[in-house]
Amino acid sequence: MAQYLSQTRIEGPIWLEPNEISFLQTRISEAETRIEALEKQISELTRQKDAELAEVASFRNILSPIRRIPLEVLSDILELSCTPKDGNFTADHDIIRYTSMVSRVCVAWRKAAHSNPRMW
């Protein structure tokens, strides 16, 4: 059996004694048990990693520069983004549609959009 274990490719039939077959089956079972334990560890580590990534995302969200912009300034920025570039409102420019889209980005943007009557 030792000659088979040292080869990566086995050609031809293999003749094993019953005790060798039993030995290999035991080794397979032990390896499968270790693999299951490793898969559980991987699953737990993946869960922990996802929790850490969520925490990092939350911290980055808090530190985002846009969080430091006063509501009035953000409202003016959003108004400018919804206004036509030339300042002339035409039938092609639907400020309500743009305002509605901007107000769906997040709660802060919704508050800013709704606090500015010129956007509606």
PDB file of N, CA and C in Angstrom:
ATOM      1  N   MET A   1       0.817  -1.186   0.000  1.00  0.00           N
ATOM      2  CA  MET A   1       0.000   0.000   0.000  1.00  0.00           C
ATOM      3  C   MET A   1       0.868   1.260   0.000  1.00  0.00           C
ATOM      4  N   ALA A   2       2.011   1.231   0.627  1.00  0.00           N
ATOM      5  CA  ALA A   2       2.878   2.410   0.707  1.00  0.00           C
ATOM      6  C   ALA A   2       3.255   2.919  -0.673  1.00  0.00           C
ATOM      7  N   GLN A   3       3.450   2.009  -1.626  1.00  0.00           N
ATOM      8  CA  GLN A   3       3.820   2.432  -2.977  1.00  0.00           C
ATOM      9  C   GLN A   3       2.681   3.215  -3.634  1.00  0.00           C
ATOM     10  N   TYR A   4       1.426   2.920  -3.274  1.00  0.00           N
ATOM     11  CA  TYR A   4       0.293   3.641  -3.857  1.00  0.00           C
ATOM     12  C   TYR A   4       0.159   5.037  -3.248  1.00  0.00           C
ATOM     13  N   LEU A   5       0.447   5.153  -1.966  1.00  0.00           N
ATOM     14  CA  LEU A   5       0.302   6.442  -1.284  1.00  0.00           C
ATOM     15  C   LEU A   5       1.334   7.460  -1.749  1.00  0.00           C
ATOM     16  N   SER A   6       2.464   6.996  -2.208  1.00  0.00           N
ATOM     17  CA  SER A   6       3.516   7.919  -2.640  1.00  0.00           C
ATOM     18  C   SER A   6       3.348   8.365  -4.090  1.00  0.00           C
ATOM     19  N   GLN A   7       2.415   7.755  -4.808  1.00  0.00           N
ATOM     20  CA  GLN A   7       2.216   8.098  -6.216  1.00  0.00           C
ATOM     21  C   GLN A   7       1.023   9.044  -6.359  1.00  0.00           C
ATOM     22  N   THR A   8       1.149  10.005  -7.268  1.00  0.00           N
ATOM     23  CA  THR A   8       0.017  10.892  -7.545  1.00  0.00           C
ATOM     24  C   THR A   8      -0.906  10.296  -8.593  1.00  0.00           C
ATOM     25  N   ARG A   9      -0.356   9.422  -9.420  1.00  0.00           N
ATOM     26  CA  ARG A   9      -1.155   8.799 -10.472  1.00  0.00           C
ATOM     27  C   ARG A   9      -0.910   7.290 -10.414  1.00  0.00           C
ATOM     28  N   ILE A  10      -1.992   6.563 -10.293  1.00  0.00           N
ATOM     29  CA  ILE A  10      -1.897   5.106 -10.196  1.00  0.00           C
ATOM     30  C   ILE A  10      -2.480   4.503 -11.462  1.00  0.00           C
ATOM     31  N   GLU A  11      -1.695   3.698 -12.107  1.00  0.00           N
ATOM     32  CA  GLU A  11      -2.155   3.023 -13.321  1.00  0.00           C
ATOM     33  C   GLU A  11      -2.261   1.533 -13.029  1.00  0.00           C
ATOM     34  N   GLY A  12      -3.314   0.951 -13.477  1.00  0.00           N
ATOM     35  CA  GLY A  12      -3.490  -0.487 -13.302  1.00  0.00           C
ATOM     36  C   GLY A  12      -4.312  -0.809 -12.066  1.00  0.00           C
ATOM     37  N   PRO A  13      -4.624  -2.073 -11.900  1.00  0.00           N
ATOM     38  CA  PRO A  13      -5.448  -2.492 -10.759  1.00  0.00           C
ATOM     39  C   PRO A  13      -4.660  -2.419  -9.445  1.00  0.00           C
ATOM     40  N   ILE A  14      -5.416  -2.266  -8.364  1.00  0.00           N
ATOM     41  CA  ILE A  14      -4.827  -2.198  -7.030  1.00  0.00           C
ATOM     42  C   ILE A  14      -5.368  -3.370  -6.214  1.00  0.00           C
ATOM     43  N   TRP A  15      -4.458  -4.088  -5.597  1.00  0.00           N
ATOM     44  CA  TRP A  15      -4.844  -5.214  -4.753  1.00  0.00           C
ATOM     45  C   TRP A  15      -4.479  -4.871  -3.315  1.00  0.00           C
ATOM     46  N   LEU A  16      -5.503  -4.747  -2.479  1.00  0.00           N
ATOM     47  CA  LEU A  16      -5.269  -4.385  -1.082  1.00  0.00           C
ATOM     48  C   LEU A  16      -5.783  -5.485  -0.157  1.00  0.00           C
ATOM     49  N   GLU A  17      -5.117  -5.619   0.971  1.00  0.00           N
ATOM     50  CA  GLU A  17      -5.547  -6.541   2.019  1.00  0.00           C
ATOM     51  C   GLU A  17      -6.717  -5.896   2.768  1.00  0.00           C
ATOM     52  N   PRO A  18      -7.567  -6.687   3.396  1.00  0.00           N
ATOM     53  CA  PRO A  18      -8.702  -6.130   4.152  1.00  0.00           C
ATOM     54  C   PRO A  18      -8.271  -5.113   5.214  1.00  0.00           C
ATOM     55  N   ASN A  19      -7.160  -5.360   5.897  1.00  0.00           N
ATOM     56  CA  ASN A  19      -6.714  -4.398   6.907  1.00  0.00           C
ATOM     57  C   ASN A  19      -6.257  -3.079   6.269  1.00  0.00           C
ATOM     58  N   GLU A  20      -5.720  -3.130   5.055  1.00  0.00           N
ATOM     59  CA  GLU A  20      -5.327  -1.916   4.337  1.00  0.00           C
ATOM     60  C   GLU A  20      -6.558  -1.124   3.902  1.00  0.00           C
ATOM     61  N   ILE A  21      -7.564  -1.839   3.448  1.00  0.00           N
ATOM     62  CA  ILE A  21      -8.827  -1.174   3.071  1.00  0.00           C
ATOM     63  C   ILE A  21      -9.433  -0.498   4.296  1.00  0.00           C
ATOM     64  N   SER A  22      -9.458  -1.203   5.409  1.00  0.00           N
ATOM     65  CA  SER A  22     -10.000  -0.648   6.650  1.00  0.00           C
ATOM     66  C   SER A  22      -9.200   0.585   7.082  1.00  0.00           C
ATOM     67  N   PHE A  23      -7.870   0.497   6.980  1.00  0.00           N
ATOM     68  CA  PHE A  23      -7.005   1.622   7.331  1.00  0.00           C
ATOM     69  C   PHE A  23      -7.335   2.849   6.475  1.00  0.00           C
ATOM     70  N   LEU A  24      -7.467   2.647   5.169  1.00  0.00           N
ATOM     71  CA  LEU A  24      -7.762   3.770   4.267  1.00  0.00           C
ATOM     72  C   LEU A  24      -9.148   4.344   4.527  1.00  0.00           C
ATOM     73  N   GLN A  25     -10.118   3.484   4.811  1.00  0.00           N
ATOM     74  CA  GLN A  25     -11.467   3.972   5.111  1.00  0.00           C
ATOM     75  C   GLN A  25     -11.468   4.797   6.400  1.00  0.00           C
ATOM     76  N   THR A  26     -10.684   4.363   7.372  1.00  0.00           N
ATOM     77  CA  THR A  26     -10.564   5.125   8.616  1.00  0.00           C
ATOM     78  C   THR A  26      -9.926   6.483   8.347  1.00  0.00           C
ATOM     79  N   ARG A  27      -8.879   6.499   7.543  1.00  0.00           N
ATOM     80  CA  ARG A  27      -8.217   7.758   7.198  1.00  0.00           C
ATOM     81  C   ARG A  27      -9.171   8.695   6.461  1.00  0.00           C
ATOM     82  N   ILE A  28      -9.963   8.146   5.550  1.00  0.00           N
ATOM     83  CA  ILE A  28     -10.947   8.960   4.820  1.00  0.00           C
ATOM     84  C   ILE A  28     -11.948   9.558   5.797  1.00  0.00           C
ATOM     85  N   SER A  29     -12.456   8.742   6.708  1.00  0.00           N
ATOM     86  CA  SER A  29     -13.434   9.210   7.688  1.00  0.00           C
ATOM     87  C   SER A  29     -12.846  10.315   8.569  1.00  0.00           C
ATOM     88  N   GLU A  30     -11.607  10.122   9.019  1.00  0.00           N
ATOM     89  CA  GLU A  30     -10.945  11.138   9.842  1.00  0.00           C
ATOM     90  C   GLU A  30     -10.752  12.436   9.061  1.00  0.00           C
ATOM     91  N   ALA A  31     -10.347  12.315   7.816  1.00  0.00           N
ATOM     92  CA  ALA A  31     -10.147  13.508   6.983  1.00  0.00           C
ATOM     93  C   ALA A  31     -11.469  14.239   6.762  1.00  0.00           C
ATOM     94  N   GLU A  32     -12.540  13.491   6.517  1.00  0.00           N
ATOM     95  CA  GLU A  32     -13.853  14.118   6.320  1.00  0.00           C
ATOM     96  C   GLU A  32     -14.318  14.822   7.587  1.00  0.00           C
ATOM     97  N   THR A  33     -14.020  14.245   8.750  1.00  0.00           N
ATOM     98  CA  THR A  33     -14.367  14.882  10.024  1.00  0.00           C
ATOM     99  C   THR A  33     -13.603  16.197  10.182  1.00  0.00           C
ATOM    100  N   ARG A  34     -12.319  16.177   9.854  1.00  0.00           N
ATOM    101  CA  ARG A  34     -11.516  17.410   9.928  1.00  0.00           C
ATOM    102  C   ARG A  34     -12.034  18.457   8.938  1.00  0.00           C
ATOM    103  N   ILE A  35     -12.427  18.011   7.761  1.00  0.00           N
ATOM    104  CA  ILE A  35     -12.962  18.932   6.749  1.00  0.00           C
ATOM    105  C   ILE A  35     -14.246  19.581   7.258  1.00  0.00           C
ATOM    106  N   GLU A  36     -15.133  18.791   7.870  1.00  0.00           N
ATOM    107  CA  GLU A  36     -16.373  19.347   8.429  1.00  0.00           C
ATOM    108  C   GLU A  36     -16.065  20.392   9.498  1.00  0.00           C
ATOM    109  N   ALA A  37     -15.091  20.092  10.357  1.00  0.00           N
ATOM    110  CA  ALA A  37     -14.714  21.050  11.399  1.00  0.00           C
ATOM    111  C   ALA A  37     -14.169  22.332  10.775  1.00  0.00           C
ATOM    112  N   LEU A  38     -13.362  22.188   9.742  1.00  0.00           N
ATOM    113  CA  LEU A  38     -12.824  23.364   9.051  1.00  0.00           C
ATOM    114  C   LEU A  38     -13.933  24.171   8.387  1.00  0.00           C
ATOM    115  N   GLU A  39     -14.904  23.492   7.798  1.00  0.00           N
ATOM    116  CA  GLU A  39     -16.021  24.204   7.163  1.00  0.00           C
ATOM    117  C   GLU A  39     -16.832  24.972   8.196  1.00  0.00           C
ATOM    118  N   LYS A  40     -17.003  24.406   9.391  1.00  0.00           N
ATOM    119  CA  LYS A  40     -17.703  25.128  10.462  1.00  0.00           C
ATOM    120  C   LYS A  40     -16.904  26.353  10.880  1.00  0.00           C
ATOM    121  N   GLN A  41     -15.576  26.192  10.979  1.00  0.00           N
ATOM    122  CA  GLN A  41     -14.730  27.334  11.329  1.00  0.00           C
ATOM    123  C   GLN A  41     -14.808  28.413  10.257  1.00  0.00           C
ATOM    124  N   ILE A  42     -14.785  27.996   9.006  1.00  0.00           N
ATOM    125  CA  ILE A  42     -14.882  28.957   7.900  1.00  0.00           C
ATOM    126  C   ILE A  42     -16.204  29.705   7.977  1.00  0.00           C
ATOM    127  N   SER A  43     -17.283  28.970   8.243  1.00  0.00           N
ATOM    128  CA  SER A  43     -18.604  29.593   8.339  1.00  0.00           C
ATOM    129  C   SER A  43     -18.639  30.616   9.469  1.00  0.00           C
ATOM    130  N   GLU A  44     -18.105  30.249  10.622  1.00  0.00           N
ATOM    131  CA  GLU A  44     -18.078  31.162  11.764  1.00  0.00           C
ATOM    132  C   GLU A  44     -17.188  32.369  11.474  1.00  0.00           C
ATOM    133  N   LEU A  45     -16.036  32.133  10.875  1.00  0.00           N
ATOM    134  CA  LEU A  45     -15.145  33.246  10.536  1.00  0.00           C
ATOM    135  C   LEU A  45     -15.771  34.168   9.496  1.00  0.00           C
ATOM    136  N   THR A  46     -16.494  33.606   8.552  1.00  0.00           N
ATOM    137  CA  THR A  46     -17.187  34.420   7.549  1.00  0.00           C
ATOM    138  C   THR A  46     -18.249  35.284   8.217  1.00  0.00           C
ATOM    139  N   ARG A  47     -18.982  34.696   9.180  1.00  0.00           N
ATOM    140  CA  ARG A  47     -19.998  35.458   9.910  1.00  0.00           C
ATOM    141  C   ARG A  47     -19.338  36.599  10.684  1.00  0.00           C
ATOM    142  N   GLN A  48     -18.222  36.308  11.348  1.00  0.00           N
ATOM    143  CA  GLN A  48     -17.502  37.342  12.098  1.00  0.00           C
ATOM    144  C   GLN A  48     -16.976  38.429  11.167  1.00  0.00           C
ATOM    145  N   LYS A  49     -16.447  38.024  10.016  1.00  0.00           N
ATOM    146  CA  LYS A  49     -15.938  38.998   9.044  1.00  0.00           C
ATOM    147  C   LYS A  49     -17.061  39.904   8.561  1.00  0.00           C
ATOM    148  N   ASP A  50     -18.221  39.316   8.258  1.00  0.00           N
ATOM    149  CA  ASP A  50     -19.357  40.117   7.796  1.00  0.00           C
ATOM    150  C   ASP A  50     -19.795  41.117   8.865  1.00  0.00           C
ATOM    151  N   ALA A  51     -19.780  40.687  10.129  1.00  0.00           N
ATOM    152  CA  ALA A  51     -20.142  41.595  11.221  1.00  0.00           C
ATOM    153  C   ALA A  51     -19.136  42.739  11.321  1.00  0.00           C
ATOM    154  N   GLU A  52     -17.864  42.424  11.184  1.00  0.00           N
ATOM    155  CA  GLU A  52     -16.826  43.466  11.231  1.00  0.00           C
ATOM    156  C   GLU A  52     -16.954  44.425  10.047  1.00  0.00           C
ATOM    157  N   LEU A  53     -17.238  43.883   8.865  1.00  0.00           N
ATOM    158  CA  LEU A  53     -17.416  44.741   7.685  1.00  0.00           C
ATOM    159  C   LEU A  53     -18.607  45.677   7.867  1.00  0.00           C
ATOM    160  N   ALA A  54     -19.681  45.175   8.466  1.00  0.00           N
ATOM    161  CA  ALA A  54     -20.854  46.018   8.717  1.00  0.00           C
ATOM    162  C   ALA A  54     -20.506  47.128   9.705  1.00  0.00           C
ATOM    163  N   GLU A  55     -19.719  46.794  10.717  1.00  0.00           N
ATOM    164  CA  GLU A  55     -19.314  47.799  11.697  1.00  0.00           C
ATOM    165  C   GLU A  55     -18.423  48.861  11.048  1.00  0.00           C
ATOM    166  N   VAL A  56     -17.489  48.433  10.219  1.00  0.00           N
ATOM    167  CA  VAL A  56     -16.615  49.377   9.505  1.00  0.00           C
ATOM    168  C   VAL A  56     -17.449  50.288   8.608  1.00  0.00           C
ATOM    169  N   ALA A  57     -18.414  49.714   7.902  1.00  0.00           N
ATOM    170  CA  ALA A  57     -19.278  50.518   7.029  1.00  0.00           C
ATOM    171  C   ALA A  57     -20.053  51.546   7.842  1.00  0.00           C
ATOM    172  N   SER A  58     -20.521  51.145   9.006  1.00  0.00           N
ATOM    173  CA  SER A  58     -21.247  52.072   9.870  1.00  0.00           C
ATOM    174  C   SER A  58     -20.340  53.210  10.334  1.00  0.00           C
ATOM    175  N   PHE A  59     -19.115  52.875  10.719  1.00  0.00           N
ATOM    176  CA  PHE A  59     -18.167  53.910  11.149  1.00  0.00           C
ATOM    177  C   PHE A  59     -17.830  54.853   9.999  1.00  0.00           C
ATOM    178  N   ARG A  60     -17.618  54.294   8.821  1.00  0.00           N
ATOM    179  CA  ARG A  60     -17.311  55.143   7.656  1.00  0.00           C
ATOM    180  C   ARG A  60     -18.495  56.051   7.328  1.00  0.00           C
ATOM    181  N   ASN A  61     -19.694  55.526   7.488  1.00  0.00           N
ATOM    182  CA  ASN A  61     -20.893  56.315   7.239  1.00  0.00           C
ATOM    183  C   ASN A  61     -20.941  57.513   8.191  1.00  0.00           C
ATOM    184  N   ILE A  62     -20.611  57.264   9.445  1.00  0.00           N
ATOM    185  CA  ILE A  62     -20.610  58.345  10.436  1.00  0.00           C
ATOM    186  C   ILE A  62     -19.540  59.385  10.107  1.00  0.00           C
ATOM    187  N   LEU A  63     -18.380  58.923   9.641  1.00  0.00           N
ATOM    188  CA  LEU A  63     -17.268  59.835   9.347  1.00  0.00           C
ATOM    189  C   LEU A  63     -17.369  60.510   7.984  1.00  0.00           C
ATOM    190  N   SER A  64     -18.355  60.158   7.196  1.00  0.00           N
ATOM    191  CA  SER A  64     -18.492  60.704   5.853  1.00  0.00           C
ATOM    192  C   SER A  64     -18.563  62.230   5.894  1.00  0.00           C
ATOM    193  N   PRO A  65     -17.801  62.896   5.036  1.00  0.00           N
ATOM    194  CA  PRO A  65     -17.783  64.366   5.042  1.00  0.00           C
ATOM    195  C   PRO A  65     -19.163  64.995   4.842  1.00  0.00           C
ATOM    196  N   ILE A  66     -20.035  64.335   4.115  1.00  0.00           N
ATOM    197  CA  ILE A  66     -21.353  64.931   3.869  1.00  0.00           C
ATOM    198  C   ILE A  66     -22.162  65.047   5.155  1.00  0.00           C
ATOM    199  N   ARG A  67     -21.811  64.269   6.164  1.00  0.00           N
ATOM    200  CA  ARG A  67     -22.507  64.338   7.458  1.00  0.00           C
ATOM    201  C   ARG A  67     -22.226  65.652   8.179  1.00  0.00           C
ATOM    202  N   ARG A  68     -21.165  66.346   7.791  1.00  0.00           N
ATOM    203  CA  ARG A  68     -20.803  67.594   8.463  1.00  0.00           C
ATOM    204  C   ARG A  68     -21.350  68.831   7.747  1.00  0.00           C
ATOM    205  N   ILE A  69     -22.061  68.630   6.656  1.00  0.00           N
ATOM    206  CA  ILE A  69     -22.644  69.758   5.927  1.00  0.00           C
ATOM    207  C   ILE A  69     -23.953  70.149   6.610  1.00  0.00           C
ATOM    208  N   PRO A  70     -24.114  71.420   6.966  1.00  0.00           N
ATOM    209  CA  PRO A  70     -25.376  71.851   7.577  1.00  0.00           C
ATOM    210  C   PRO A  70     -26.559  71.590   6.634  1.00  0.00           C
ATOM    211  N   LEU A  71     -27.716  71.330   7.226  1.00  0.00           N
ATOM    212  CA  LEU A  71     -28.919  71.004   6.461  1.00  0.00           C
ATOM    213  C   LEU A  71     -29.239  72.083   5.426  1.00  0.00           C
ATOM    214  N   GLU A  72     -29.066  73.343   5.796  1.00  0.00           N
ATOM    215  CA  GLU A  72     -29.387  74.434   4.875  1.00  0.00           C
ATOM    216  C   GLU A  72     -28.475  74.403   3.649  1.00  0.00           C
ATOM    217  N   VAL A  73     -27.197  74.128   3.865  1.00  0.00           N
ATOM    218  CA  VAL A  73     -26.241  74.076   2.754  1.00  0.00           C
ATOM    219  C   VAL A  73     -26.549  72.873   1.866  1.00  0.00           C
ATOM    220  N   LEU A  74     -26.818  71.727   2.479  1.00  0.00           N
ATOM    221  CA  LEU A  74     -27.172  70.539   1.710  1.00  0.00           C
ATOM    222  C   LEU A  74     -28.443  70.787   0.902  1.00  0.00           C
ATOM    223  N   SER A  75     -29.393  71.465   1.500  1.00  0.00           N
ATOM    224  CA  SER A  75     -30.636  71.792   0.800  1.00  0.00           C
ATOM    225  C   SER A  75     -30.360  72.654  -0.429  1.00  0.00           C
ATOM    226  N   ASP A  76     -29.479  73.642  -0.283  1.00  0.00           N
ATOM    227  CA  ASP A  76     -29.119  74.492  -1.427  1.00  0.00           C
ATOM    228  C   ASP A  76     -28.403  73.684  -2.515  1.00  0.00           C
ATOM    229  N   ILE A  77     -27.515  72.792  -2.108  1.00  0.00           N
ATOM    230  CA  ILE A  77     -26.801  71.951  -3.081  1.00  0.00           C
ATOM    231  C   ILE A  77     -27.791  71.082  -3.851  1.00  0.00           C
ATOM    232  N   LEU A  78     -28.717  70.473  -3.130  1.00  0.00           N
ATOM    233  CA  LEU A  78     -29.708  69.618  -3.793  1.00  0.00           C
ATOM    234  C   LEU A  78     -30.602  70.433  -4.724  1.00  0.00           C
ATOM    235  N   GLU A  79     -30.950  71.634  -4.291  1.00  0.00           N
ATOM    236  CA  GLU A  79     -31.766  72.498  -5.153  1.00  0.00           C
ATOM    237  C   GLU A  79     -31.021  72.809  -6.449  1.00  0.00           C
ATOM    238  N   LEU A  80     -29.750  73.141  -6.334  1.00  0.00           N
ATOM    239  CA  LEU A  80     -28.957  73.433  -7.530  1.00  0.00           C
ATOM    240  C   LEU A  80     -28.847  72.210  -8.436  1.00  0.00           C
ATOM    241  N   SER A  81     -28.775  71.039  -7.843  1.00  0.00           N
ATOM    242  CA  SER A  81     -28.661  69.830  -8.669  1.00  0.00           C
ATOM    243  C   SER A  81     -29.962  69.521  -9.404  1.00  0.00           C
ATOM    244  N   CYS A  82     -31.078  70.018  -8.898  1.00  0.00           N
ATOM    245  CA  CYS A  82     -32.374  69.766  -9.539  1.00  0.00           C
ATOM    246  C   CYS A  82     -32.785  70.881 -10.496  1.00  0.00           C
ATOM    247  N   THR A  83     -32.076  71.993 -10.451  1.00  0.00           N
ATOM    248  CA  THR A  83     -32.402  73.137 -11.294  1.00  0.00           C
ATOM    249  C   THR A  83     -31.721  72.992 -12.649  1.00  0.00           C
ATOM    250  N   PRO A  84     -32.396  73.399 -13.741  1.00  0.00           N
ATOM    251  CA  PRO A  84     -31.753  73.337 -15.059  1.00  0.00           C
ATOM    252  C   PRO A  84     -30.482  74.189 -15.076  1.00  0.00           C
ATOM    253  N   LYS A  85     -29.511  73.773 -15.855  1.00  0.00           N
ATOM    254  CA  LYS A  85     -28.218  74.469 -15.885  1.00  0.00           C
ATOM    255  C   LYS A  85     -28.353  75.923 -16.307  1.00  0.00           C
ATOM    256  N   ASP A  86     -29.261  76.190 -17.233  1.00  0.00           N
ATOM    257  CA  ASP A  86     -29.425  77.574 -17.699  1.00  0.00           C
ATOM    258  C   ASP A  86     -30.390  78.361 -16.814  1.00  0.00           C
ATOM    259  N   GLY A  87     -31.008  77.700 -15.840  1.00  0.00           N
ATOM    260  CA  GLY A  87     -31.926  78.374 -14.932  1.00  0.00           C
ATOM    261  C   GLY A  87     -33.328  78.528 -15.470  1.00  0.00           C
ATOM    262  N   ASN A  88     -33.554  78.133 -16.716  1.00  0.00           N
ATOM    263  CA  ASN A  88     -34.880  78.258 -17.321  1.00  0.00           C
ATOM    264  C   ASN A  88     -35.625  76.932 -17.221  1.00  0.00           C
ATOM    265  N   PHE A  89     -36.781  76.994 -16.622  1.00  0.00           N
ATOM    266  CA  PHE A  89     -37.608  75.799 -16.507  1.00  0.00           C
ATOM    267  C   PHE A  89     -38.434  75.646 -17.769  1.00  0.00           C
ATOM    268  N   THR A  90     -38.373  74.492 -18.362  1.00  0.00           N
ATOM    269  CA  THR A  90     -39.154  74.208 -19.568  1.00  0.00           C
ATOM    270  C   THR A  90     -39.984  72.964 -19.316  1.00  0.00           C
ATOM    271  N   ALA A  91     -40.795  72.632 -20.291  1.00  0.00           N
ATOM    272  CA  ALA A  91     -41.622  71.430 -20.173  1.00  0.00           C
ATOM    273  C   ALA A  91     -40.761  70.173 -20.103  1.00  0.00           C
ATOM    274  N   ASP A  92     -39.552  70.243 -20.685  1.00  0.00           N
ATOM    275  CA  ASP A  92     -38.660  69.077 -20.665  1.00  0.00           C
ATOM    276  C   ASP A  92     -38.040  68.841 -19.285  1.00  0.00           C
ATOM    277  N   HIS A  93     -38.008  69.875 -18.462  1.00  0.00           N
ATOM    278  CA  HIS A  93     -37.370  69.748 -17.151  1.00  0.00           C
ATOM    279  C   HIS A  93     -38.453  69.585 -16.087  1.00  0.00           C
ATOM    280  N   ASP A  94     -38.469  68.455 -15.457  1.00  0.00           N
ATOM    281  CA  ASP A  94     -39.465  68.167 -14.429  1.00  0.00           C
ATOM    282  C   ASP A  94     -38.779  68.197 -13.066  1.00  0.00           C
ATOM    283  N   ILE A  95     -38.815  69.358 -12.403  1.00  0.00           N
ATOM    284  CA  ILE A  95     -38.112  69.504 -11.125  1.00  0.00           C
ATOM    285  C   ILE A  95     -38.683  68.571 -10.066  1.00  0.00           C
ATOM    286  N   ILE A  96     -39.986  68.314 -10.130  1.00  0.00           N
ATOM    287  CA  ILE A  96     -40.595  67.412  -9.144  1.00  0.00           C
ATOM    288  C   ILE A  96     -39.991  66.015  -9.268  1.00  0.00           C
ATOM    289  N   ARG A  97     -39.778  65.568 -10.497  1.00  0.00           N
ATOM    290  CA  ARG A  97     -39.194  64.234 -10.698  1.00  0.00           C
ATOM    291  C   ARG A  97     -37.776  64.197 -10.143  1.00  0.00           C
ATOM    292  N   TYR A  98     -36.971  65.230 -10.439  1.00  0.00           N
ATOM    293  CA  TYR A  98     -35.598  65.278  -9.922  1.00  0.00           C
ATOM    294  C   TYR A  98     -35.592  65.374  -8.394  1.00  0.00           C
ATOM    295  N   THR A  99     -36.454  66.218  -7.862  1.00  0.00           N
ATOM    296  CA  THR A  99     -36.535  66.369  -6.410  1.00  0.00           C
ATOM    297  C   THR A  99     -36.954  65.062  -5.755  1.00  0.00           C
ATOM    298  N   SER A 100     -37.902  64.396  -6.363  1.00  0.00           N
ATOM    299  CA  SER A 100     -38.360  63.113  -5.832  1.00  0.00           C
ATOM    300  C   SER A 100     -37.232  62.090  -5.824  1.00  0.00           C
ATOM    301  N   MET A 101     -36.446  62.054  -6.893  1.00  0.00           N
ATOM    302  CA  MET A 101     -35.318  61.112  -6.958  1.00  0.00           C
ATOM    303  C   MET A 101     -34.281  61.440  -5.888  1.00  0.00           C
ATOM    304  N   VAL A 102     -33.954  62.718  -5.736  1.00  0.00           N
ATOM    305  CA  VAL A 102     -32.956  63.134  -4.751  1.00  0.00           C
ATOM    306  C   VAL A 102     -33.435  62.814  -3.339  1.00  0.00           C
ATOM    307  N   SER A 103     -34.714  62.984  -3.086  1.00  0.00           N
ATOM    308  CA  SER A 103     -35.229  62.764  -1.732  1.00  0.00           C
ATOM    309  C   SER A 103     -35.295  61.287  -1.354  1.00  0.00           C
ATOM    310  N   ARG A 104     -35.054  60.392  -2.307  1.00  0.00           N
ATOM    311  CA  ARG A 104     -35.062  58.951  -2.008  1.00  0.00           C
ATOM    312  C   ARG A 104     -33.668  58.389  -1.731  1.00  0.00           C
ATOM    313  N   VAL A 105     -32.647  59.229  -1.776  1.00  0.00           N
ATOM    314  CA  VAL A 105     -31.278  58.736  -1.569  1.00  0.00           C
ATOM    315  C   VAL A 105     -31.084  58.274  -0.124  1.00  0.00           C
ATOM    316  N   CYS A 106     -31.433  59.112   0.824  1.00  0.00           N
ATOM    317  CA  CYS A 106     -31.301  58.745   2.236  1.00  0.00           C
ATOM    318  C   CYS A 106     -32.162  59.701   3.056  1.00  0.00           C
ATOM    319  N   VAL A 107     -32.267  59.424   4.339  1.00  0.00           N
ATOM    320  CA  VAL A 107     -33.109  60.236   5.219  1.00  0.00           C
ATOM    321  C   VAL A 107     -32.612  61.677   5.275  1.00  0.00           C
ATOM    322  N   ALA A 108     -31.305  61.868   5.357  1.00  0.00           N
ATOM    323  CA  ALA A 108     -30.755  63.228   5.442  1.00  0.00           C
ATOM    324  C   ALA A 108     -31.092  64.031   4.193  1.00  0.00           C
ATOM    325  N   TRP A 109     -30.967  63.403   3.028  1.00  0.00           N
ATOM    326  CA  TRP A 109     -31.285  64.111   1.784  1.00  0.00           C
ATOM    327  C   TRP A 109     -32.787  64.379   1.698  1.00  0.00           C
ATOM    328  N   ARG A 110     -33.598  63.451   2.188  1.00  0.00           N
ATOM    329  CA  ARG A 110     -35.050  63.676   2.164  1.00  0.00           C
ATOM    330  C   ARG A 110     -35.396  64.879   3.035  1.00  0.00           C
ATOM    331  N   LYS A 111     -34.796  64.947   4.237  1.00  0.00           N
ATOM    332  CA  LYS A 111     -35.048  66.095   5.118  1.00  0.00           C
ATOM    333  C   LYS A 111     -34.616  67.391   4.446  1.00  0.00           C
ATOM    334  N   ALA A 112     -33.442  67.361   3.813  1.00  0.00           N
ATOM    335  CA  ALA A 112     -32.937  68.564   3.146  1.00  0.00           C
ATOM    336  C   ALA A 112     -33.853  68.973   1.997  1.00  0.00           C
ATOM    337  N   ALA A 113     -34.288  68.006   1.214  1.00  0.00           N
ATOM    338  CA  ALA A 113     -35.169  68.314   0.074  1.00  0.00           C
ATOM    339  C   ALA A 113     -36.519  68.831   0.557  1.00  0.00           C
ATOM    340  N   HIS A 114     -37.063  68.220   1.582  1.00  0.00           N
ATOM    341  CA  HIS A 114     -38.385  68.625   2.071  1.00  0.00           C
ATOM    342  C   HIS A 114     -38.334  69.942   2.841  1.00  0.00           C
ATOM    343  N   SER A 115     -37.152  70.311   3.327  1.00  0.00           N
ATOM    344  CA  SER A 115     -37.042  71.576   4.061  1.00  0.00           C
ATOM    345  C   SER A 115     -36.915  72.776   3.129  1.00  0.00           C
ATOM    346  N   ASN A 116     -36.766  72.529   1.826  1.00  0.00           N
ATOM    347  CA  ASN A 116     -36.578  73.614   0.866  1.00  0.00           C
ATOM    348  C   ASN A 116     -37.831  73.739  -0.003  1.00  0.00           C
ATOM    349  N   PRO A 117     -38.680  74.729   0.271  1.00  0.00           N
ATOM    350  CA  PRO A 117     -39.922  74.867  -0.506  1.00  0.00           C
ATOM    351  C   PRO A 117     -39.678  75.193  -1.984  1.00  0.00           C
ATOM    352  N   ARG A 118     -38.514  75.737  -2.320  1.00  0.00           N
ATOM    353  CA  ARG A 118     -38.227  76.061  -3.722  1.00  0.00           C
ATOM    354  C   ARG A 118     -38.066  74.803  -4.577  1.00  0.00           C
ATOM    355  N   MET A 119     -37.831  73.684  -3.932  1.00  0.00           N
ATOM    356  CA  MET A 119     -37.657  72.439  -4.689  1.00  0.00           C
ATOM    357  C   MET A 119     -39.000  71.800  -5.041  1.00  0.00           C
ATOM    358  N   TRP A 120     -40.062  72.289  -4.443  1.00  0.00           N
ATOM    359  CA  TRP A 120     -41.373  71.682  -4.688  1.00  0.00           C
ATOM    360  C   TRP A 120     -42.276  72.684  -5.368  1.00  0.00           C
TER     361      TRP A 120
END
